[in-house]
Amino acid sequence: MVTHTLVFSFPADMTEADRDRFFQEGSALVLGSGLAESYEHRRHIPLVDDVGEVLAPVFVASAIAQVRCRDLDAMRRLFAYPALGAFVQRWQRQFPYQAVTINSQD
């Protein structure tokens, strides 16, 4: 199993309702592709003295998502899935966000 982890930094004007819709659409798209085994996301829980804002003020995490695929081939096919590219482009136009990613093998 291979896991693709994304740490998102959303812009301030992206509401909670927008974020909910982003993850609902993203989850349905990824799982509906038949290429991913699972999709999970969680919101960042900010603390009063959040170290991340002190150490990395240019990237403040908003949420994390993890996509699990059975192997690297399935992950490569998911990344090449045209509907996924369209989803990213559409959301980037509406709410330009940043993401840091890492791939790992379970």
Protein backbone atom coordinates (compact mmCIF):
# COMPACT_ATOMS: atom_id res chain seq x y z
CA MET A 1 0.00 0.00 0.00
CA VAL A 2 1.25 3.49 -0.87
CA THR A 3 0.03 6.63 0.92
CA HIS A 4 -0.03 10.12 -0.60
CA THR A 5 -0.22 12.69 2.22
CA LEU A 6 -1.15 16.30 1.51
CA VAL A 7 -0.87 19.15 3.99
CA PHE A 8 -3.02 22.06 2.79
CA SER A 9 -2.75 25.76 3.53
CA PHE A 10 -6.02 27.39 2.51
CA PRO A 11 -6.50 31.14 2.00
CA ALA A 12 -8.34 33.12 4.68
CA ASP A 13 -11.30 33.84 2.39
CA MET A 14 -12.07 30.12 1.98
CA THR A 15 -14.96 29.52 4.39
CA GLU A 16 -15.58 26.36 6.39
CA ALA A 17 -18.46 25.56 4.02
CA ASP A 18 -16.08 25.93 1.05
CA ARG A 19 -13.57 23.62 2.75
CA ASP A 20 -16.27 21.05 3.46
CA ARG A 21 -17.31 21.13 -0.20
CA PHE A 22 -13.65 20.85 -1.32
CA PHE A 23 -13.12 17.69 0.72
CA GLN A 24 -16.51 16.18 -0.14
CA GLU A 25 -15.89 16.65 -3.87
CA GLY A 26 -12.27 15.52 -3.60
CA SER A 27 -13.19 12.38 -1.68
CA ALA A 28 -15.97 11.45 -4.10
CA LEU A 29 -13.69 12.02 -7.07
CA VAL A 30 -10.72 10.06 -5.72
CA LEU A 31 -12.78 7.12 -4.47
CA GLY A 32 -14.99 7.18 -7.56
CA SER A 33 -11.94 6.80 -9.80
CA GLY A 34 -11.56 3.20 -8.62
CA LEU A 35 -7.81 3.82 -8.23
CA ALA A 36 -7.68 4.62 -4.50
CA GLU A 37 -8.38 2.28 -1.62
CA SER A 38 -9.18 5.05 0.86
CA TYR A 39 -9.35 8.82 1.34
CA GLU A 40 -9.27 10.57 4.71
CA HIS A 41 -9.01 14.20 5.70
CA ARG A 42 -8.76 16.06 8.96
CA ARG A 43 -8.69 19.71 9.91
CA HIS A 44 -5.78 21.35 11.65
CA ILE A 45 -6.58 22.16 15.27
CA PRO A 46 -4.94 25.51 15.98
CA LEU A 47 -3.47 26.16 19.40
CA VAL A 48 -3.01 29.52 21.07
CA ASP A 49 0.78 29.25 20.81
CA ASP A 50 0.89 27.28 17.54
CA VAL A 51 4.58 26.56 16.94
CA GLY A 52 3.94 26.16 13.20
CA GLU A 53 3.05 29.82 12.87
CA VAL A 54 6.31 30.81 14.53
CA LEU A 55 8.56 28.35 12.71
CA ALA A 56 6.92 28.48 9.28
CA PRO A 57 4.91 31.69 8.92
CA VAL A 58 4.81 31.30 5.11
CA PHE A 59 2.94 28.00 5.36
CA VAL A 60 0.29 27.63 8.04
CA ALA A 61 -1.43 24.26 7.83
CA SER A 62 -5.22 24.19 7.46
CA ALA A 63 -5.87 20.48 6.93
CA ILE A 64 -4.36 17.14 6.00
CA ALA A 65 -5.58 14.50 3.56
CA GLN A 66 -4.31 11.00 2.90
CA VAL A 67 -5.01 8.92 -0.19
CA ARG A 68 -4.06 5.25 -0.12
CA CYS A 69 -3.51 3.26 -3.31
CA ARG A 70 -2.69 -0.43 -3.63
CA ASP A 71 0.62 0.31 -5.42
CA LEU A 72 2.67 2.99 -7.20
CA ASP A 73 1.10 2.17 -10.56
CA ALA A 74 -2.38 2.88 -9.22
CA MET A 75 -1.13 6.14 -7.68
CA ARG A 76 0.47 7.21 -10.97
CA ARG A 77 -2.78 6.49 -12.80
CA LEU A 78 -4.73 8.47 -10.19
CA PHE A 79 -2.43 11.49 -10.63
CA ALA A 80 -2.96 11.26 -14.41
CA TYR A 81 -6.77 10.98 -14.03
CA PRO A 82 -8.17 13.93 -16.06
CA ALA A 83 -11.03 14.61 -13.64
CA LEU A 84 -8.54 15.05 -10.79
CA GLY A 85 -6.56 17.61 -12.78
CA ALA A 86 -9.77 19.51 -13.58
CA PHE A 87 -10.76 19.46 -9.88
CA VAL A 88 -7.41 20.93 -8.81
CA GLN A 89 -7.49 23.62 -11.51
CA ARG A 90 -11.05 24.65 -10.66
CA TRP A 91 -10.37 24.96 -6.92
CA GLN A 92 -7.04 26.72 -7.49
CA ARG A 93 -8.80 29.34 -9.63
CA GLN A 94 -11.44 29.93 -6.97
CA PHE A 95 -9.24 29.69 -3.86
CA PRO A 96 -5.49 29.57 -4.60
CA TYR A 97 -4.17 27.20 -1.95
CA GLN A 98 -0.80 25.64 -1.24
CA ALA A 99 -0.05 22.01 -0.53
CA VAL A 100 2.97 20.08 0.65
CA THR A 101 2.98 16.39 -0.22
CA ILE A 102 4.83 13.24 0.71
CA ASN A 103 4.46 9.69 -0.57
CA SER A 104 5.22 6.76 1.70
CA GLN A 105 4.92 3.02 1.62
CA ASP A 106 2.88 1.39 4.36
